[in-house]
Protein backbone atom coordinates (compact mmCIF):
# COMPACT_ATOMS: atom_id res chain seq x y z
CA MET A 1 202.53 167.14 102.92
CA GLY A 2 204.93 165.50 105.36
CA GLN A 3 208.48 166.69 104.82
CA LEU A 4 207.38 169.94 103.19
CA THR A 5 205.23 171.06 106.13
CA TYR A 6 207.72 173.46 107.73
CA LEU A 7 208.89 174.79 104.37
CA ALA A 8 205.28 175.28 103.22
CA LEU A 9 204.51 177.28 106.36
CA LEU A 10 207.45 179.60 105.66
CA ALA A 11 206.45 179.97 102.01
CA GLY A 12 202.91 180.79 103.13
CA CYS A 13 204.21 183.56 105.37
CA LEU A 14 206.10 185.07 102.45
CA VAL A 15 203.13 184.75 100.08
CA VAL A 16 200.78 186.42 102.56
CA THR A 17 203.11 189.37 103.20
CA ALA A 18 204.44 189.87 99.64
CA PRO A 19 201.46 192.04 98.65
CA LEU A 20 202.41 194.48 101.41
CA GLU A 21 205.63 195.28 99.55
CA LEU A 22 204.02 195.30 96.13
CA LEU A 23 200.68 197.01 96.73
CA LEU A 24 201.53 199.37 99.57
CA ARG A 25 205.09 200.04 98.38
CA VAL A 26 206.52 199.88 101.89
CA ARG A 27 210.07 199.60 100.47
CA VAL A 28 211.33 197.00 102.92
CA TYR A 29 213.37 195.23 100.26
CA ALA A 30 214.61 198.51 98.81
CA ARG A 31 216.00 199.47 102.23
CA TRP A 32 217.91 196.22 102.61
CA ARG A 33 220.56 197.67 104.94
CA ARG A 34 217.88 198.69 107.42
CA LEU A 35 216.32 195.24 107.13
CA LEU A 36 219.70 193.62 107.72
CA VAL A 37 220.25 195.69 110.87
CA ALA A 38 216.81 194.62 112.11
CA VAL A 39 217.19 190.91 111.34
CA ALA A 40 220.90 190.11 111.86
CA PRO A 41 221.04 190.39 115.69
CA GLU A 42 217.90 188.27 116.11
CA PHE A 43 219.21 185.73 113.62
CA ALA A 44 222.56 185.38 115.37
CA VAL A 45 221.10 185.07 118.87
CA PHE A 46 218.45 182.52 117.95
CA VAL A 47 220.70 180.35 115.78
CA VAL A 48 223.22 180.14 118.63
CA TRP A 49 220.40 179.40 121.08
CA VAL A 50 219.01 176.60 118.92
CA LEU A 51 222.46 175.12 118.34
CA TYR A 52 223.01 175.10 122.08
CA ALA A 53 219.61 173.50 122.73
CA ILE A 54 220.28 170.81 120.12
CA ALA A 55 223.75 170.10 121.57
CA GLN A 56 222.27 169.77 125.06
CA GLY A 57 219.54 167.43 123.84
CA HIS A 58 216.74 169.86 124.73
CA TRP A 59 215.44 170.15 121.16
CA ASP A 60 215.14 167.87 118.23
CA TYR A 61 213.41 168.18 114.88
CA SER A 62 211.32 165.58 113.13
CA ASP A 63 212.69 164.21 109.87
CA VAL A 64 209.06 163.41 109.02
CA LEU A 65 208.05 167.10 109.01
CA THR A 66 211.28 168.58 107.66
CA LEU A 67 213.40 167.91 104.61
CA GLY A 68 215.97 166.13 106.76
CA VAL A 69 218.73 168.47 105.58
CA ARG A 70 220.80 169.42 108.59
CA LEU A 71 223.38 172.16 108.73
CA PRO A 72 226.45 171.97 110.98
CA GLY A 73 225.38 171.50 114.57
CA GLY A 74 222.31 169.53 113.52
CA ILE A 75 220.07 172.52 112.84
CA PRO A 76 217.53 171.89 110.07
CA VAL A 77 217.70 174.23 107.10
CA GLU A 78 214.04 175.14 107.70
CA GLU A 79 214.86 176.41 111.19
CA VAL A 80 217.54 178.72 109.82
CA LEU A 81 215.07 179.96 107.19
CA PHE A 82 212.50 180.50 109.97
CA PHE A 83 214.85 182.98 111.65
CA LEU A 84 215.01 184.94 108.38
CA VAL A 85 211.43 184.64 107.09
CA VAL A 86 209.48 185.46 110.25
CA PRO A 87 211.38 188.69 111.03
CA LEU A 88 211.12 189.72 107.37
CA CYS A 89 207.37 189.20 107.44
CA SER A 90 207.16 191.07 110.75
CA VAL A 91 209.03 194.06 109.34
CA LEU A 92 206.79 194.03 106.26
CA ALA A 93 203.71 194.00 108.51
CA LEU A 94 205.07 196.81 110.69
CA GLU A 95 205.90 198.97 107.69
CA ALA A 96 202.46 198.29 106.20
CA VAL A 97 200.79 199.43 109.43
CA ARG A 98 202.97 202.55 109.44
CA LYS A 99 202.06 203.30 105.83
CA VAL A 100 198.31 202.81 106.26
CA THR A 101 197.89 204.51 109.64
CA GLY A 102 200.62 207.14 109.47
CA TRP A 103 202.05 205.83 112.76
CA ASP A 104 205.70 206.81 113.08
CA ALA A 105 206.58 203.79 115.29
CA GLY A 106 209.27 205.85 116.95
CA TYR A 107 210.85 207.24 113.81
CA PRO A 108 209.50 209.69 111.25
CA ALA A 109 207.96 208.52 107.99
CA ALA A 110 208.32 210.38 104.69
CA ASP A 111 206.77 213.83 104.85
CA SER A 112 203.75 214.86 102.80
CA LEU A 113 205.97 215.74 99.82
CA GLY A 114 207.41 212.23 99.82
CA GLN A 115 210.80 213.40 101.05
CA MET A 116 212.65 211.16 103.47
CA ASN A 117 214.48 212.29 106.54
CA THR A 118 218.28 212.15 106.57
CA ALA A 119 218.47 208.66 108.16
CA GLU A 120 216.13 207.21 105.53
CA GLU A 121 218.11 208.83 102.73
CA ALA A 122 221.20 207.04 103.99
CA ASP A 123 219.30 203.72 103.87
CA ALA A 124 217.89 204.25 100.39
């Protein structure tokens, strides 16, 4: 697999969690603003952290296990995708657990009539 290893791992994460959106209808993609608010801060912090680590010589990435495509600062494209894919899959998993168990995870789910609370209506 070589250069596609990292990319294949990310694709596998998406393939494994895609049924959560489709079968359980957790509406993560439909509530894209909420997803953006959840992912953007993590993305920014970790990209800056990795760029700093690369610049300091603390981290390097193998051209054998990545595509070899580097973005400005020397960060591999797969690493940037990692900071998008893994949080997306985590949110999908969290929403699936909420849906199946009825756990509110600190914020209310749709009521028994399928109506959303005011905050969810704003996200829809």
